[in-house]
Amino acid sequence: MTKRYWFSAKRPGWGWGWGPPFSWEGWVVFVGFFVLLIGGGIVVMPHGEHYFIAYTFLLAALLVLICWRKGEPPGRFPTGKR
């Protein structure tokens, strides 16, 4: 059984990491990240900028973790296996 990736690896020369999602699960994670980021701006920002910065770093770390586990290995040319 082949592994089904949610995020494609970036092409060589385009940096390290992942490109846009290519499965519905990846799109749910991607949209959810931005919804939580905007919601955090509304809810957390009034309590102080430093709280919002910490919240943003936490969300970004969670996104990278999900991409790491569910995306193609970074630094590899995308195979397109879905």
C-alpha atoms as a PDB file:
ATOM      1  CA  MET A   1       0.000   0.000   0.000  1.00  0.00           C
ATOM      2  CA  THR A   2       1.409   3.402  -0.956  1.00  0.00           C
ATOM      3  CA  LYS A   3       1.341   6.277   1.464  1.00  0.00           C
ATOM      4  CA  ARG A   4      -1.210   8.973   0.606  1.00  0.00           C
ATOM      5  CA  TYR A   5       0.231  12.456   1.104  1.00  0.00           C
ATOM      6  CA  TRP A   6      -1.778  15.557   1.978  1.00  0.00           C
ATOM      7  CA  PHE A   7       0.929  18.078   1.019  1.00  0.00           C
ATOM      8  CA  SER A   8       3.416  18.035  -1.847  1.00  0.00           C
ATOM      9  CA  ALA A   9       7.109  18.695  -1.342  1.00  0.00           C
ATOM     10  CA  LYS A  10       8.435  21.917  -2.859  1.00  0.00           C
ATOM     11  CA  ARG A  11      10.302  21.584  -6.132  1.00  0.00           C
ATOM     12  CA  PRO A  12      14.103  21.658  -6.010  1.00  0.00           C
ATOM     13  CA  GLY A  13      15.348  25.231  -6.004  1.00  0.00           C
ATOM     14  CA  TRP A  14      12.124  26.573  -4.440  1.00  0.00           C
ATOM     15  CA  GLY A  15      13.235  26.175  -0.832  1.00  0.00           C
ATOM     16  CA  TRP A  16      12.667  23.539   1.798  1.00  0.00           C
ATOM     17  CA  GLY A  17       9.254  22.403   2.979  1.00  0.00           C
ATOM     18  CA  TRP A  18       5.868  21.794   1.443  1.00  0.00           C
ATOM     19  CA  GLY A  19       3.756  23.334  -1.261  1.00  0.00           C
ATOM     20  CA  PRO A  20       0.003  23.651  -1.449  1.00  0.00           C
ATOM     21  CA  PRO A  21      -2.162  20.749  -0.349  1.00  0.00           C
ATOM     22  CA  PHE A  22      -3.313  18.189  -2.901  1.00  0.00           C
ATOM     23  CA  SER A  23      -5.941  16.338  -0.895  1.00  0.00           C
ATOM     24  CA  TRP A  24      -9.135  17.451   0.785  1.00  0.00           C
ATOM     25  CA  GLU A  25      -7.612  16.668   4.194  1.00  0.00           C
ATOM     26  CA  GLY A  26      -4.711  18.996   3.444  1.00  0.00           C
ATOM     27  CA  TRP A  27      -7.102  21.764   2.409  1.00  0.00           C
ATOM     28  CA  VAL A  28      -9.051  21.345   5.673  1.00  0.00           C
ATOM     29  CA  VAL A  29      -5.809  21.750   7.651  1.00  0.00           C
ATOM     30  CA  PHE A  30      -4.705  24.719   5.513  1.00  0.00           C
ATOM     31  CA  VAL A  31      -8.024  26.594   5.789  1.00  0.00           C
ATOM     32  CA  GLY A  32      -8.317  25.687   9.491  1.00  0.00           C
ATOM     33  CA  PHE A  33      -4.897  27.235  10.129  1.00  0.00           C
ATOM     34  CA  PHE A  34      -6.000  30.572   8.661  1.00  0.00           C
ATOM     35  CA  VAL A  35      -9.381  30.486  10.417  1.00  0.00           C
ATOM     36  CA  LEU A  36      -7.649  29.890  13.765  1.00  0.00           C
ATOM     37  CA  LEU A  37      -5.086  32.601  12.986  1.00  0.00           C
ATOM     38  CA  ILE A  38      -7.789  35.183  12.223  1.00  0.00           C
ATOM     39  CA  GLY A  39      -9.883  34.036  15.192  1.00  0.00           C
ATOM     40  CA  GLY A  40      -6.829  34.336  17.417  1.00  0.00           C
ATOM     41  CA  GLY A  41      -6.298  37.866  16.165  1.00  0.00           C
ATOM     42  CA  ILE A  42      -9.800  38.751  17.288  1.00  0.00           C
ATOM     43  CA  VAL A  43      -9.743  36.894  20.620  1.00  0.00           C
ATOM     44  CA  VAL A  44      -6.088  36.903  21.728  1.00  0.00           C
ATOM     45  CA  MET A  45      -4.782  40.230  20.375  1.00  0.00           C
ATOM     46  CA  PRO A  46      -6.740  42.408  22.854  1.00  0.00           C
ATOM     47  CA  HIS A  47      -4.806  40.706  25.683  1.00  0.00           C
ATOM     48  CA  GLY A  48      -1.457  41.765  24.250  1.00  0.00           C
ATOM     49  CA  GLU A  49       0.747  41.442  21.211  1.00  0.00           C
ATOM     50  CA  HIS A  50       3.099  39.001  22.907  1.00  0.00           C
ATOM     51  CA  TYR A  51       0.231  36.551  23.490  1.00  0.00           C
ATOM     52  CA  PHE A  52      -0.746  36.735  19.835  1.00  0.00           C
ATOM     53  CA  ILE A  53       2.853  36.171  18.726  1.00  0.00           C
ATOM     54  CA  ALA A  54       3.097  33.105  20.980  1.00  0.00           C
ATOM     55  CA  TYR A  55      -0.265  31.872  19.648  1.00  0.00           C
ATOM     56  CA  THR A  56       0.924  32.344  16.066  1.00  0.00           C
ATOM     57  CA  PHE A  57       4.162  30.433  16.715  1.00  0.00           C
ATOM     58  CA  LEU A  58       2.163  27.613  18.312  1.00  0.00           C
ATOM     59  CA  LEU A  59      -0.174  27.396  15.312  1.00  0.00           C
ATOM     60  CA  ALA A  60       2.754  27.494  12.872  1.00  0.00           C
ATOM     61  CA  ALA A  61       4.545  24.716  14.779  1.00  0.00           C
ATOM     62  CA  LEU A  62       1.380  22.623  14.682  1.00  0.00           C
ATOM     63  CA  LEU A  63       1.053  23.200  10.923  1.00  0.00           C
ATOM     64  CA  VAL A  64       4.688  22.172  10.341  1.00  0.00           C
ATOM     65  CA  LEU A  65       4.175  19.052  12.473  1.00  0.00           C
ATOM     66  CA  ILE A  66       1.112  18.046  10.449  1.00  0.00           C
ATOM     67  CA  CYS A  67       2.958  18.725   7.179  1.00  0.00           C
ATOM     68  CA  TRP A  68       5.926  16.687   8.411  1.00  0.00           C
ATOM     69  CA  ARG A  69       3.735  13.696   9.249  1.00  0.00           C
ATOM     70  CA  LYS A  70       1.286  13.893   6.339  1.00  0.00           C
ATOM     71  CA  GLY A  71       3.348  15.486   3.563  1.00  0.00           C
ATOM     72  CA  GLU A  72       5.939  14.209   1.136  1.00  0.00           C
ATOM     73  CA  PRO A  73       9.459  14.194   2.551  1.00  0.00           C
ATOM     74  CA  PRO A  74      10.859  17.719   2.040  1.00  0.00           C
ATOM     75  CA  GLY A  75      13.739  18.195  -0.339  1.00  0.00           C
ATOM     76  CA  ARG A  76      12.372  15.552  -2.711  1.00  0.00           C
ATOM     77  CA  PHE A  77      10.787  16.262  -6.059  1.00  0.00           C
ATOM     78  CA  PRO A  78       6.998  15.767  -5.755  1.00  0.00           C
ATOM     79  CA  THR A  79       5.858  12.391  -6.986  1.00  0.00           C
ATOM     80  CA  GLY A  80       2.204  13.291  -7.230  1.00  0.00           C
ATOM     81  CA  LYS A  81       1.109  10.151  -5.332  1.00  0.00           C
ATOM     82  CA  ARG A  82      -2.186  10.968  -3.757  1.00  0.00           C
END
